[in-house]
Amino acid sequence: MKKAQSEGMPFGVVLKLATKAFVDGTLGIRLVSSESFNPATRKAVDEMIKDVKTGKNLSPRLRTAKEAVAYLRG
């Protein structure tokens, strides 16, 4: 309802348009479940996000294969 109001129309208009679209076959309805990580994966992802934000454990931008080999060799 709040979104309809923020768009400047009554919620009833949204319902009417959705009903018409459903009857016309242009509105599809499906259920989507939200997926979640298991605790171990969540912890690993959180650590990776933290590393990216702090610039930790990231390799520099390498433009050529020679640069990559030199970087890997140390």
Protein backbone atom coordinates (compact mmCIF):
# COMPACT_ATOMS: atom_id res chain seq x y z
CA MET A 1 0.00 0.00 0.00
CA LYS A 2 2.79 2.40 0.86
CA LYS A 3 4.49 1.79 -2.48
CA ALA A 4 1.26 2.52 -4.36
CA GLN A 5 0.83 5.72 -2.37
CA SER A 6 4.43 6.74 -3.06
CA GLU A 7 3.71 6.21 -6.78
CA GLY A 8 0.69 8.50 -6.44
CA MET A 9 -2.14 6.01 -6.86
CA PRO A 10 -4.62 4.28 -4.58
CA PHE A 11 -3.88 0.64 -3.77
CA GLY A 12 -7.25 -0.31 -5.25
CA VAL A 13 -5.98 0.73 -8.68
CA VAL A 14 -3.01 -1.60 -8.31
CA LEU A 15 -5.34 -4.47 -7.38
CA LYS A 16 -7.64 -3.73 -10.30
CA LEU A 17 -4.75 -3.62 -12.79
CA ALA A 18 -3.19 -6.80 -11.36
CA THR A 19 -6.53 -8.61 -11.57
CA LYS A 20 -7.02 -7.53 -15.18
CA ALA A 21 -3.47 -8.58 -16.11
CA PHE A 22 -3.98 -11.96 -14.43
CA VAL A 23 -7.23 -12.57 -16.32
CA ASP A 24 -5.58 -11.47 -19.59
CA GLY A 25 -2.72 -13.88 -18.95
CA THR A 26 -0.01 -11.22 -18.75
CA LEU A 27 0.60 -11.61 -15.01
CA GLY A 28 2.26 -14.76 -13.76
CA ILE A 29 2.36 -15.72 -10.12
CA ARG A 30 4.95 -18.05 -8.64
CA LEU A 31 6.37 -18.77 -5.24
CA VAL A 32 10.05 -18.25 -4.64
CA SER A 33 11.71 -19.48 -1.51
CA SER A 34 14.62 -17.57 -0.12
CA GLU A 35 17.82 -19.51 0.12
CA SER A 36 20.19 -19.24 3.03
CA PHE A 37 23.71 -20.44 3.70
CA ASN A 38 24.52 -23.07 6.26
CA PRO A 39 26.50 -21.68 9.23
CA ALA A 40 29.93 -22.72 7.91
CA THR A 41 29.32 -21.20 4.48
CA ARG A 42 27.84 -18.03 6.01
CA LYS A 43 30.98 -17.61 8.14
CA ALA A 44 33.27 -18.09 5.12
CA VAL A 45 31.29 -15.64 2.98
CA ASP A 46 31.24 -13.05 5.77
CA GLU A 47 35.03 -13.35 6.15
CA MET A 48 35.52 -12.95 2.38
CA ILE A 49 33.31 -9.86 2.29
CA LYS A 50 35.28 -8.39 5.19
CA ASP A 51 38.56 -9.13 3.38
CA VAL A 52 37.35 -7.44 0.20
CA LYS A 53 36.19 -4.35 2.10
CA THR A 54 39.54 -4.05 3.86
CA GLY A 55 41.62 -4.95 0.79
CA LYS A 56 43.07 -8.01 2.50
CA ASN A 57 43.99 -11.28 0.71
CA LEU A 58 43.57 -9.76 -2.75
CA SER A 59 46.03 -9.97 -5.59
CA PRO A 60 46.86 -6.84 -7.56
CA ARG A 61 45.49 -6.23 -11.05
CA LEU A 62 47.78 -8.09 -13.44
CA ARG A 63 47.76 -7.13 -17.12
CA THR A 64 49.97 -9.82 -18.67
CA ALA A 65 50.88 -13.43 -18.07
CA LYS A 66 54.46 -12.36 -17.34
CA GLU A 67 53.23 -10.06 -14.56
CA ALA A 68 51.16 -12.93 -13.14
CA VAL A 69 54.09 -15.34 -13.14
CA ALA A 70 56.36 -12.76 -11.54
CA TYR A 71 53.73 -12.05 -8.88
CA LEU A 72 53.27 -15.75 -8.11
CA ARG A 73 57.00 -16.38 -7.88
CA GLY A 74 57.24 -13.73 -5.36
